[in-house]
Amino acid sequence: VAAEELGLEPADITVHAADTGTTPYDIGTFASSQMYISGNAVQKAAADLIERLKAAIAAVFRIDPAGITWSQGRLTFKLTNETKILNFKQAVKEIIFHAQGTVLLGSAGYKAQESPPPFAVCWAKVAWDRAMNTLEVKHIIEAVDVGTAVNPEIVIGQVQGGIVMGFGYAMMEQIEIDPRAAKPVCTDLLHYKIPLALDAPQSHVYIAQSYEPTGPFGAKSVGELATVPVAAAIANAVARVTGEEIKTLPLARLFVPAKLRMT
């Protein structure tokens, strides 16, 4: 988002992990709103930096800031005998490397009145062996509407991770309680079964073409969204193939999971 706003390449941007001991209080970006809230804050901070850059350039060249325009990653302004066009890096060099050089800082905050929800649709393909009562989830297809996918690879990775989480929830994950002690029996990952990488079904992710006008460059967010529909899609597929309504999870209570490598 910063690179797009400043006309730079993503490789030009360095992101520092902020220490909560030195940064202002923040209520968070929970509820699948990281890109929407943080992205809007970054975009506004970058826009603030551009305004400060225009003011600094005006001081260096002794011109009216109102005569400086910023478009497509370029500052344009007129001098006595020429029109100068500077990209962000060139403009920064003009204000830093001289006797009165200065460093610019852009800042902004963003508080959303509401976060526009992303959407997902999920399909599951399962194989059920009636004689052996074994069940295998073979394919999961999930289509998501996240507005503009600022980084499609991250979106795909997030959805794939959500698919595996939903798959585990549907197939084998459960907290067993000792009724006498009234305490969980599965207190570690040796006893709480989660799917391994080799257990995961084939996943197929589709990112819908969309645009959210209030988001940074049209983006919304993708977070918990990816997990939400998976278990329901698997349960509906099982209900369709067996003819029995699924009313309980995990499905390992009702079927023998096929080809799972978790032990």
C-alpha atoms as a PDB file:
ATOM      1  CA  VAL A   1       0.000   0.000   0.000  1.00  0.00           C
ATOM      2  CA  ALA A   2       2.810   2.426   0.887  1.00  0.00           C
ATOM      3  CA  ALA A   3       4.724   1.580  -2.285  1.00  0.00           C
ATOM      4  CA  GLU A   4       1.668   2.136  -4.467  1.00  0.00           C
ATOM      5  CA  GLU A   5       0.856   5.463  -2.833  1.00  0.00           C
ATOM      6  CA  LEU A   6       4.451   6.726  -3.037  1.00  0.00           C
ATOM      7  CA  GLY A   7       5.177   5.454  -6.533  1.00  0.00           C
ATOM      8  CA  LEU A   8       7.838   3.024  -5.299  1.00  0.00           C
ATOM      9  CA  GLU A   9       8.533  -0.673  -5.648  1.00  0.00           C
ATOM     10  CA  PRO A  10       7.572  -2.962  -2.745  1.00  0.00           C
ATOM     11  CA  ALA A  11      11.276  -3.811  -2.333  1.00  0.00           C
ATOM     12  CA  ASP A  12      11.896  -0.132  -1.497  1.00  0.00           C
ATOM     13  CA  ILE A  13       9.718  -0.375   1.624  1.00  0.00           C
ATOM     14  CA  THR A  14      11.068  -1.647   4.944  1.00  0.00           C
ATOM     15  CA  VAL A  15       8.525  -2.682   7.562  1.00  0.00           C
ATOM     16  CA  HIS A  16       9.622  -2.477  11.194  1.00  0.00           C
ATOM     17  CA  ALA A  17       7.876  -4.563  13.841  1.00  0.00           C
ATOM     18  CA  ALA A  18       6.666  -1.966  16.322  1.00  0.00           C
ATOM     19  CA  ASP A  19       7.360  -2.303  20.035  1.00  0.00           C
ATOM     20  CA  THR A  20       4.200  -1.752  22.076  1.00  0.00           C
ATOM     21  CA  GLY A  21       6.360   0.049  24.615  1.00  0.00           C
ATOM     22  CA  THR A  22       6.999   2.897  22.191  1.00  0.00           C
ATOM     23  CA  THR A  23       3.981   2.964  19.885  1.00  0.00           C
ATOM     24  CA  PRO A  24       0.620   4.663  20.519  1.00  0.00           C
ATOM     25  CA  TYR A  25      -2.303   2.686  21.880  1.00  0.00           C
ATOM     26  CA  ASP A  26      -4.290   0.852  19.231  1.00  0.00           C
ATOM     27  CA  ILE A  27      -7.582  -0.958  19.636  1.00  0.00           C
ATOM     28  CA  GLY A  28      -6.484  -3.602  17.124  1.00  0.00           C
ATOM     29  CA  THR A  29      -7.344  -4.881  13.659  1.00  0.00           C
ATOM     30  CA  PHE A  30      -9.304  -7.937  14.760  1.00  0.00           C
ATOM     31  CA  ALA A  31     -12.362  -9.391  13.012  1.00  0.00           C
ATOM     32  CA  SER A  32     -10.670  -9.887   9.643  1.00  0.00           C
ATOM     33  CA  SER A  33      -9.914  -6.204   9.207  1.00  0.00           C
ATOM     34  CA  GLN A  34      -6.111  -6.075   9.105  1.00  0.00           C
ATOM     35  CA  MET A  35      -5.774  -4.914   5.512  1.00  0.00           C
ATOM     36  CA  TYR A  36      -8.795  -2.643   5.685  1.00  0.00           C
ATOM     37  CA  ILE A  37      -7.846  -0.739   8.848  1.00  0.00           C
ATOM     38  CA  SER A  38      -4.040  -0.913   8.721  1.00  0.00           C
ATOM     39  CA  GLY A  39      -4.044  -0.426   4.965  1.00  0.00           C
ATOM     40  CA  ASN A  40      -6.168   2.702   5.229  1.00  0.00           C
ATOM     41  CA  ALA A  41      -3.891   4.055   7.974  1.00  0.00           C
ATOM     42  CA  VAL A  42      -0.788   3.386   5.874  1.00  0.00           C
ATOM     43  CA  GLN A  43      -2.339   4.973   2.796  1.00  0.00           C
ATOM     44  CA  LYS A  44      -3.278   8.086   4.768  1.00  0.00           C
ATOM     45  CA  ALA A  45       0.198   8.287   6.325  1.00  0.00           C
ATOM     46  CA  ALA A  46       1.774   8.034   2.886  1.00  0.00           C
ATOM     47  CA  ALA A  47      -0.541  10.780   1.614  1.00  0.00           C
ATOM     48  CA  ASP A  48       0.483  12.931   4.578  1.00  0.00           C
ATOM     49  CA  LEU A  49       4.136  12.308   3.684  1.00  0.00           C
ATOM     50  CA  ILE A  50       3.475  13.497   0.137  1.00  0.00           C
ATOM     51  CA  GLU A  51       1.947  16.740   1.434  1.00  0.00           C
ATOM     52  CA  ARG A  52       5.005  17.313   3.627  1.00  0.00           C
ATOM     53  CA  LEU A  53       7.253  16.519   0.673  1.00  0.00           C
ATOM     54  CA  LYS A  54       5.450  19.109  -1.471  1.00  0.00           C
ATOM     55  CA  ALA A  55       5.895  21.728   1.245  1.00  0.00           C
ATOM     56  CA  ALA A  56       9.599  20.925   1.574  1.00  0.00           C
ATOM     57  CA  ILE A  57      10.141  21.066  -2.191  1.00  0.00           C
ATOM     58  CA  ALA A  58       8.355  24.410  -2.295  1.00  0.00           C
ATOM     59  CA  ALA A  59      10.745  25.733   0.348  1.00  0.00           C
ATOM     60  CA  VAL A  60      13.818  24.458  -1.521  1.00  0.00           C
ATOM     61  CA  PHE A  61      12.789  25.968  -4.861  1.00  0.00           C
ATOM     62  CA  ARG A  62      11.040  28.991  -3.300  1.00  0.00           C
ATOM     63  CA  ILE A  63       7.735  28.433  -5.020  1.00  0.00           C
ATOM     64  CA  ASP A  64       4.098  28.255  -3.938  1.00  0.00           C
ATOM     65  CA  PRO A  65       3.182  24.735  -2.640  1.00  0.00           C
ATOM     66  CA  ALA A  66      -0.175  25.115  -4.371  1.00  0.00           C
ATOM     67  CA  GLY A  67       1.639  24.961  -7.700  1.00  0.00           C
ATOM     68  CA  ILE A  68       3.018  21.469  -7.010  1.00  0.00           C
ATOM     69  CA  THR A  69       0.982  18.474  -8.124  1.00  0.00           C
ATOM     70  CA  TRP A  70       1.406  14.795  -7.314  1.00  0.00           C
ATOM     71  CA  SER A  71       0.164  12.269  -9.873  1.00  0.00           C
ATOM     72  CA  GLN A  72       1.178   8.723 -10.820  1.00  0.00           C
ATOM     73  CA  GLY A  73       4.161   8.790  -8.490  1.00  0.00           C
ATOM     74  CA  ARG A  74       5.544  12.109  -9.789  1.00  0.00           C
ATOM     75  CA  LEU A  75       5.805  15.656  -8.454  1.00  0.00           C
ATOM     76  CA  THR A  76       5.323  18.282 -11.142  1.00  0.00           C
ATOM     77  CA  PHE A  77       5.953  22.010 -10.733  1.00  0.00           C
ATOM     78  CA  LYS A  78       6.987  24.981 -12.815  1.00  0.00           C
ATOM     79  CA  LEU A  79      10.127  27.055 -12.369  1.00  0.00           C
ATOM     80  CA  THR A  80      11.015  30.212 -14.267  1.00  0.00           C
ATOM     81  CA  ASN A  81      12.375  28.503 -17.353  1.00  0.00           C
ATOM     82  CA  GLU A  82      11.300  24.882 -17.022  1.00  0.00           C
ATOM     83  CA  THR A  83       8.832  22.381 -15.728  1.00  0.00           C
ATOM     84  CA  LYS A  84      10.369  19.901 -13.296  1.00  0.00           C
ATOM     85  CA  ILE A  85       9.091  16.368 -12.874  1.00  0.00           C
ATOM     86  CA  LEU A  86      10.516  14.387  -9.965  1.00  0.00           C
ATOM     87  CA  ASN A  87       9.711  10.912  -8.705  1.00  0.00           C
ATOM     88  CA  PHE A  88       9.615  10.300  -4.962  1.00  0.00           C
ATOM     89  CA  LYS A  89      13.295   9.347  -4.636  1.00  0.00           C
ATOM     90  CA  GLN A  90      14.464  12.317  -6.681  1.00  0.00           C
ATOM     91  CA  ALA A  91      12.320  14.708  -4.652  1.00  0.00           C
ATOM     92  CA  VAL A  92      13.646  13.321  -1.366  1.00  0.00           C
ATOM     93  CA  LYS A  93      17.236  13.837  -2.556  1.00  0.00           C
ATOM     94  CA  GLU A  94      16.435  17.474  -3.311  1.00  0.00           C
ATOM     95  CA  ILE A  95      15.365  18.172   0.288  1.00  0.00           C
ATOM     96  CA  ILE A  96      17.909  16.024   2.146  1.00  0.00           C
ATOM     97  CA  PHE A  97      21.281  16.633   0.518  1.00  0.00           C
ATOM     98  CA  HIS A  98      21.988  20.296   1.239  1.00  0.00           C
ATOM     99  CA  ALA A  99      22.914  22.500   4.209  1.00  0.00           C
ATOM    100  CA  GLN A 100      19.319  22.833   5.425  1.00  0.00           C
ATOM    101  CA  GLY A 101      18.442  19.226   4.656  1.00  0.00           C
ATOM    102  CA  THR A 102      15.629  17.641   6.591  1.00  0.00           C
ATOM    103  CA  VAL A 103      13.970  14.268   7.137  1.00  0.00           C
ATOM    104  CA  LEU A 104      10.245  13.934   6.545  1.00  0.00           C
ATOM    105  CA  LEU A 105       7.817  11.865   8.584  1.00  0.00           C
ATOM    106  CA  GLY A 106       4.259  11.127   7.517  1.00  0.00           C
ATOM    107  CA  SER A 107       1.709   9.961  10.043  1.00  0.00           C
ATOM    108  CA  ALA A 108      -1.996   9.194  10.207  1.00  0.00           C
ATOM    109  CA  GLY A 109      -4.545   7.206  12.124  1.00  0.00           C
ATOM    110  CA  TYR A 110      -7.654   5.436  10.927  1.00  0.00           C
ATOM    111  CA  LYS A 111     -10.727   4.397  12.878  1.00  0.00           C
ATOM    112  CA  ALA A 112     -13.366   2.597  10.860  1.00  0.00           C
ATOM    113  CA  GLN A 113     -17.019   3.092  11.641  1.00  0.00           C
ATOM    114  CA  GLU A 114     -17.507  -0.366  10.185  1.00  0.00           C
ATOM    115  CA  SER A 115     -15.397  -2.870   8.310  1.00  0.00           C
ATOM    116  CA  PRO A 116     -16.966  -4.078   5.049  1.00  0.00           C
ATOM    117  CA  PRO A 117     -17.204  -7.866   5.284  1.00  0.00           C
ATOM    118  CA  PRO A 118     -15.417 -10.183   2.861  1.00  0.00           C
ATOM    119  CA  PHE A 119     -17.341 -13.141   1.490  1.00  0.00           C
ATOM    120  CA  ALA A 120     -16.548 -16.784   0.782  1.00  0.00           C
ATOM    121  CA  VAL A 121     -18.208 -19.705  -0.950  1.00  0.00           C
ATOM    122  CA  CYS A 122     -16.944 -23.240  -0.371  1.00  0.00           C
ATOM    123  CA  TRP A 123     -17.466 -26.587  -2.069  1.00  0.00           C
ATOM    124  CA  ALA A 124     -16.290 -29.993  -0.831  1.00  0.00           C
ATOM    125  CA  LYS A 125     -15.879 -33.319  -2.630  1.00  0.00           C
ATOM    126  CA  VAL A 126     -15.857 -36.408  -0.423  1.00  0.00           C
ATOM    127  CA  ALA A 127     -15.577 -40.158  -0.992  1.00  0.00           C
ATOM    128  CA  TRP A 128     -17.522 -42.559   1.275  1.00  0.00           C
ATOM    129  CA  ASP A 129     -17.017 -46.315   1.323  1.00  0.00           C
ATOM    130  CA  ARG A 130     -20.327 -47.745   2.525  1.00  0.00           C
ATOM    131  CA  ALA A 131     -18.928 -51.205   3.319  1.00  0.00           C
ATOM    132  CA  MET A 132     -15.941 -49.962   5.334  1.00  0.00           C
ATOM    133  CA  ASN A 133     -17.616 -46.743   6.518  1.00  0.00           C
ATOM    134  CA  THR A 134     -14.487 -44.818   5.578  1.00  0.00           C
ATOM    135  CA  LEU A 135     -14.612 -41.165   4.610  1.00  0.00           C
ATOM    136  CA  GLU A 136     -12.084 -39.157   2.636  1.00  0.00           C
ATOM    137  CA  VAL A 137     -12.220 -35.453   1.796  1.00  0.00           C
ATOM    138  CA  LYS A 138     -10.672 -35.272  -1.653  1.00  0.00           C
ATOM    139  CA  HIS A 139     -11.079 -31.646  -2.780  1.00  0.00           C
ATOM    140  CA  ILE A 140     -11.991 -28.280  -1.278  1.00  0.00           C
ATOM    141  CA  ILE A 141     -12.770 -25.338  -3.550  1.00  0.00           C
ATOM    142  CA  GLU A 142     -13.116 -21.920  -1.953  1.00  0.00           C
ATOM    143  CA  ALA A 143     -13.898 -18.659  -3.716  1.00  0.00           C
ATOM    144  CA  VAL A 144     -13.390 -15.422  -1.808  1.00  0.00           C
ATOM    145  CA  ASP A 145     -14.341 -11.787  -2.306  1.00  0.00           C
ATOM    146  CA  VAL A 146     -11.702  -9.703  -0.516  1.00  0.00           C
ATOM    147  CA  GLY A 147     -11.958  -6.587  -2.626  1.00  0.00           C
ATOM    148  CA  THR A 148      -8.684  -5.849  -4.399  1.00  0.00           C
ATOM    149  CA  ALA A 149      -6.169  -8.568  -3.532  1.00  0.00           C
ATOM    150  CA  VAL A 150      -3.201  -6.307  -2.740  1.00  0.00           C
ATOM    151  CA  ASN A 151      -0.973  -9.382  -2.410  1.00  0.00           C
ATOM    152  CA  PRO A 152      -2.692 -12.368  -4.103  1.00  0.00           C
ATOM    153  CA  GLU A 153      -0.095 -14.847  -2.823  1.00  0.00           C
ATOM    154  CA  ILE A 154      -0.842 -13.898   0.779  1.00  0.00           C
ATOM    155  CA  VAL A 155      -4.575 -14.201   0.132  1.00  0.00           C
ATOM    156  CA  ILE A 156      -4.146 -17.661  -1.384  1.00  0.00           C
ATOM    157  CA  GLY A 157      -1.942 -18.758   1.532  1.00  0.00           C
ATOM    158  CA  GLN A 158      -4.451 -17.430   4.056  1.00  0.00           C
ATOM    159  CA  VAL A 159      -7.315 -19.275   2.377  1.00  0.00           C
ATOM    160  CA  GLN A 160      -5.329 -22.507   2.106  1.00  0.00           C
ATOM    161  CA  GLY A 161      -4.497 -22.290   5.808  1.00  0.00           C
ATOM    162  CA  GLY A 162      -8.143 -21.649   6.626  1.00  0.00           C
ATOM    163  CA  ILE A 163      -9.166 -24.668   4.553  1.00  0.00           C
ATOM    164  CA  VAL A 164      -6.855 -26.938   6.554  1.00  0.00           C
ATOM    165  CA  MET A 165      -8.159 -25.517   9.836  1.00  0.00           C
ATOM    166  CA  GLY A 166     -11.758 -26.063   8.744  1.00  0.00           C
ATOM    167  CA  PHE A 167     -10.888 -29.558   7.519  1.00  0.00           C
ATOM    168  CA  GLY A 168      -9.386 -30.456  10.902  1.00  0.00           C
ATOM    169  CA  TYR A 169     -12.414 -29.063  12.719  1.00  0.00           C
ATOM    170  CA  ALA A 170     -14.735 -31.102  10.533  1.00  0.00           C
ATOM    171  CA  MET A 171     -12.813 -34.387  10.543  1.00  0.00           C
ATOM    172  CA  MET A 172     -10.915 -35.043  13.778  1.00  0.00           C
ATOM    173  CA  GLU A 173     -10.311 -32.161  16.150  1.00  0.00           C
ATOM    174  CA  GLN A 174     -12.073 -32.471  19.496  1.00  0.00           C
ATOM    175  CA  ILE A 175     -11.399 -31.636  23.127  1.00  0.00           C
ATOM    176  CA  GLU A 176     -12.055 -34.710  25.239  1.00  0.00           C
ATOM    177  CA  ILE A 177     -13.139 -34.056  28.828  1.00  0.00           C
ATOM    178  CA  ASP A 178     -12.591 -36.437  31.734  1.00  0.00           C
ATOM    179  CA  PRO A 179     -16.058 -36.387  33.333  1.00  0.00           C
ATOM    180  CA  ARG A 180     -14.752 -37.406  36.746  1.00  0.00           C
ATOM    181  CA  ALA A 181     -11.959 -34.850  36.923  1.00  0.00           C
ATOM    182  CA  ALA A 182     -13.877 -32.293  34.823  1.00  0.00           C
ATOM    183  CA  LYS A 183     -10.661 -31.466  33.008  1.00  0.00           C
ATOM    184  CA  PRO A 184      -9.494 -31.777  29.404  1.00  0.00           C
ATOM    185  CA  VAL A 185      -7.723 -35.045  28.603  1.00  0.00           C
ATOM    186  CA  CYS A 186      -6.017 -33.721  25.467  1.00  0.00           C
ATOM    187  CA  THR A 187      -3.644 -31.095  26.841  1.00  0.00           C
ATOM    188  CA  ASP A 188      -1.017 -31.218  24.083  1.00  0.00           C
ATOM    189  CA  LEU A 189      -0.698 -31.838  20.336  1.00  0.00           C
ATOM    190  CA  LEU A 190       0.173 -35.493  20.997  1.00  0.00           C
ATOM    191  CA  HIS A 191      -3.393 -36.083  22.127  1.00  0.00           C
ATOM    192  CA  TYR A 192      -5.263 -33.272  20.369  1.00  0.00           C
ATOM    193  CA  LYS A 193      -5.334 -34.457  16.773  1.00  0.00           C
ATOM    194  CA  ILE A 194      -4.763 -31.869  14.079  1.00  0.00           C
ATOM    195  CA  PRO A 195      -4.251 -32.611  10.371  1.00  0.00           C
ATOM    196  CA  LEU A 196      -0.711 -32.931   9.085  1.00  0.00           C
ATOM    197  CA  ALA A 197       0.337 -31.363   5.778  1.00  0.00           C
ATOM    198  CA  LEU A 198      -0.012 -34.743   4.053  1.00  0.00           C
ATOM    199  CA  ASP A 199      -3.545 -35.155   5.445  1.00  0.00           C
ATOM    200  CA  ALA A 200      -4.872 -32.008   3.816  1.00  0.00           C
ATOM    201  CA  PRO A 201      -7.217 -32.416   0.843  1.00  0.00           C
ATOM    202  CA  GLN A 202      -6.389 -30.798  -2.460  1.00  0.00           C
ATOM    203  CA  SER A 203      -7.357 -27.157  -2.158  1.00  0.00           C
ATOM    204  CA  HIS A 204      -8.350 -24.818  -4.953  1.00  0.00           C
ATOM    205  CA  VAL A 205      -8.606 -21.073  -4.307  1.00  0.00           C
ATOM    206  CA  TYR A 206     -10.379 -18.544  -6.509  1.00  0.00           C
ATOM    207  CA  ILE A 207     -10.132 -14.795  -5.826  1.00  0.00           C
ATOM    208  CA  ALA A 208     -13.142 -12.951  -7.200  1.00  0.00           C
ATOM    209  CA  GLN A 209     -12.652  -9.659  -9.016  1.00  0.00           C
ATOM    210  CA  SER A 210     -13.999  -7.031  -6.665  1.00  0.00           C
ATOM    211  CA  TYR A 211     -13.431  -3.486  -5.417  1.00  0.00           C
ATOM    212  CA  GLU A 212     -14.309  -1.919  -2.074  1.00  0.00           C
ATOM    213  CA  PRO A 213     -14.494   1.878  -2.553  1.00  0.00           C
ATOM    214  CA  THR A 214     -13.713   2.643   1.100  1.00  0.00           C
ATOM    215  CA  GLY A 215     -10.699   0.312   1.290  1.00  0.00           C
ATOM    216  CA  PRO A 216      -7.047   0.990   0.485  1.00  0.00           C
ATOM    217  CA  PHE A 217      -6.884   0.680  -3.313  1.00  0.00           C
ATOM    218  CA  GLY A 218     -10.157  -1.242  -3.143  1.00  0.00           C
ATOM    219  CA  ALA A 219      -9.060  -3.874  -0.613  1.00  0.00           C
ATOM    220  CA  LYS A 220     -11.074  -5.475   2.159  1.00  0.00           C
ATOM    221  CA  SER A 221      -9.568  -8.219   4.304  1.00  0.00           C
ATOM    222  CA  VAL A 222      -9.226 -11.978   4.588  1.00  0.00           C
ATOM    223  CA  GLY A 223      -8.796 -13.634   7.982  1.00  0.00           C
ATOM    224  CA  GLU A 224     -11.165 -15.952   9.810  1.00  0.00           C
ATOM    225  CA  LEU A 225     -13.279 -15.833   6.662  1.00  0.00           C
ATOM    226  CA  ALA A 226     -11.372 -18.714   5.049  1.00  0.00           C
ATOM    227  CA  THR A 227     -12.134 -21.168   7.874  1.00  0.00           C
ATOM    228  CA  VAL A 228     -15.814 -20.405   8.389  1.00  0.00           C
ATOM    229  CA  PRO A 229     -17.533 -22.300   5.511  1.00  0.00           C
ATOM    230  CA  VAL A 230     -15.253 -25.352   5.256  1.00  0.00           C
ATOM    231  CA  ALA A 231     -16.700 -27.654   7.915  1.00  0.00           C
ATOM    232  CA  ALA A 232     -20.245 -26.877   6.780  1.00  0.00           C
ATOM    233  CA  ALA A 233     -19.352 -27.649   3.156  1.00  0.00           C
ATOM    234  CA  ILE A 234     -17.786 -30.980   4.156  1.00  0.00           C
ATOM    235  CA  ALA A 235     -20.781 -31.886   6.356  1.00  0.00           C
ATOM    236  CA  ASN A 236     -23.218 -31.019   3.560  1.00  0.00           C
ATOM    237  CA  ALA A 237     -21.240 -33.144   1.074  1.00  0.00           C
ATOM    238  CA  VAL A 238     -21.262 -36.077   3.487  1.00  0.00           C
ATOM    239  CA  ALA A 239     -24.988 -35.653   4.094  1.00  0.00           C
ATOM    240  CA  ARG A 240     -25.604 -35.670   0.373  1.00  0.00           C
ATOM    241  CA  VAL A 241     -23.611 -38.836  -0.306  1.00  0.00           C
ATOM    242  CA  THR A 242     -24.867 -40.791   2.729  1.00  0.00           C
ATOM    243  CA  GLY A 243     -28.426 -39.483   2.796  1.00  0.00           C
ATOM    244  CA  GLU A 244     -28.066 -38.780   6.526  1.00  0.00           C
ATOM    245  CA  GLU A 245     -28.127 -35.321   8.085  1.00  0.00           C
ATOM    246  CA  ILE A 246     -24.909 -34.492   9.896  1.00  0.00           C
ATOM    247  CA  LYS A 247     -25.599 -33.074  13.360  1.00  0.00           C
ATOM    248  CA  THR A 248     -22.282 -33.541  15.126  1.00  0.00           C
ATOM    249  CA  LEU A 249     -18.582 -32.923  14.585  1.00  0.00           C
ATOM    250  CA  PRO A 250     -15.918 -34.155  14.242  1.00  0.00           C
ATOM    251  CA  LEU A 251     -16.906 -36.684  11.621  1.00  0.00           C
ATOM    252  CA  ALA A 252     -14.371 -39.145  13.080  1.00  0.00           C
ATOM    253  CA  ARG A 253     -17.113 -39.941  15.621  1.00  0.00           C
ATOM    254  CA  LEU A 254     -19.279 -41.294  12.801  1.00  0.00           C
ATOM    255  CA  PHE A 255     -16.817 -42.468  10.127  1.00  0.00           C
ATOM    256  CA  VAL A 256     -13.330 -43.917   9.829  1.00  0.00           C
ATOM    257  CA  PRO A 257     -11.130 -41.180   8.333  1.00  0.00           C
ATOM    258  CA  ALA A 258      -9.403 -42.610   5.264  1.00  0.00           C
ATOM    259  CA  LYS A 259      -5.752 -42.019   4.376  1.00  0.00           C
ATOM    260  CA  LEU A 260      -5.042 -39.728   7.325  1.00  0.00           C
ATOM    261  CA  ARG A 261      -1.409 -39.877   8.423  1.00  0.00           C
ATOM    262  CA  MET A 262      -1.934 -38.270  11.805  1.00  0.00           C
ATOM    263  CA  THR A 263      -1.632 -40.816  14.619  1.00  0.00           C
END
